[in-house]
Amino acid sequence: MKIFFKIIMYSAVPLVALSWVPVALGYPVYIPGLILGNILILIGATLAFIGYIKMKKAGEKEKE
């Protein structure tokens, strides 16, 4: 099972690198897509974090 996780860990880095290969080759079409994808991931993570905090506060109010 540990080997399986190591394979996933080490394969993630080449995948990220491969996603930037078209940019290196001179295809500017992929740059906005990659940046937009990164921004959407950040927004999603931020919203999930805010939602988690709100749920935690609501849970504390109910206990009182």
Protein backbone atom coordinates (compact mmCIF):
# COMPACT_ATOMS: atom_id res chain seq x y z
CA MET A 1 0.00 0.00 0.00
CA LYS A 2 2.88 2.39 0.79
CA ILE A 3 4.38 1.73 -2.66
CA PHE A 4 1.03 2.67 -4.23
CA PHE A 5 1.04 6.06 -2.44
CA LYS A 6 4.66 6.68 -3.45
CA ILE A 7 3.76 6.05 -7.11
CA ILE A 8 0.92 8.60 -6.88
CA MET A 9 3.17 11.11 -5.10
CA TYR A 10 5.98 10.85 -7.65
CA SER A 11 3.63 10.78 -10.67
CA ALA A 12 1.92 14.04 -9.61
CA VAL A 13 5.07 16.11 -10.20
CA PRO A 14 5.65 14.93 -13.81
CA LEU A 15 1.94 15.48 -14.56
CA VAL A 16 2.18 19.11 -13.45
CA ALA A 17 5.39 19.51 -15.46
CA LEU A 18 3.76 17.91 -18.52
CA SER A 19 0.85 20.36 -18.34
CA TRP A 20 3.38 23.20 -18.86
CA VAL A 21 5.14 21.49 -21.83
CA PRO A 22 2.79 23.08 -24.45
CA VAL A 23 3.61 26.49 -22.94
CA ALA A 24 7.33 25.80 -23.24
CA LEU A 25 6.83 24.73 -26.88
CA GLY A 26 5.13 28.04 -27.61
CA TYR A 27 1.39 27.38 -27.46
CA PRO A 28 0.03 30.42 -25.53
CA VAL A 29 -3.50 28.99 -25.66
CA TYR A 30 -2.78 26.78 -22.65
CA ILE A 31 -1.49 29.55 -20.36
CA PRO A 32 -4.92 31.17 -19.62
CA GLY A 33 -6.40 27.70 -19.10
CA LEU A 34 -3.73 26.70 -16.58
CA ILE A 35 -3.92 30.00 -14.71
CA LEU A 36 -7.73 29.89 -14.68
CA GLY A 37 -7.61 26.30 -13.40
CA ASN A 38 -5.24 27.27 -10.58
CA ILE A 39 -7.43 30.27 -9.64
CA LEU A 40 -10.59 28.12 -9.62
CA ILE A 41 -8.89 25.57 -7.36
CA LEU A 42 -7.83 28.35 -4.96
CA ILE A 43 -11.35 29.87 -4.95
CA GLY A 44 -12.89 26.45 -4.32
CA ALA A 45 -10.52 25.74 -1.43
CA THR A 46 -11.17 29.19 0.08
CA LEU A 47 -14.96 28.78 -0.15
CA ALA A 48 -14.75 25.32 1.41
CA PHE A 49 -12.65 26.73 4.27
CA ILE A 50 -15.10 29.62 4.86
CA GLY A 51 -18.01 27.18 4.80
CA TYR A 52 -16.24 24.95 7.33
CA ILE A 53 -15.67 27.91 9.70
CA LYS A 54 -19.34 29.00 9.41
CA MET A 55 -20.52 25.45 10.17
CA LYS A 56 -18.18 25.26 13.17
CA LYS A 57 -19.49 28.59 14.54
CA ALA A 58 -23.10 27.47 14.02
CA GLY A 59 -22.32 24.23 15.86
CA GLU A 60 -20.85 26.16 18.81
CA LYS A 61 -23.96 28.39 19.04
CA GLU A 62 -26.24 25.33 19.19
CA LYS A 63 -24.23 23.86 22.08
CA GLU A 64 -24.75 27.01 24.18
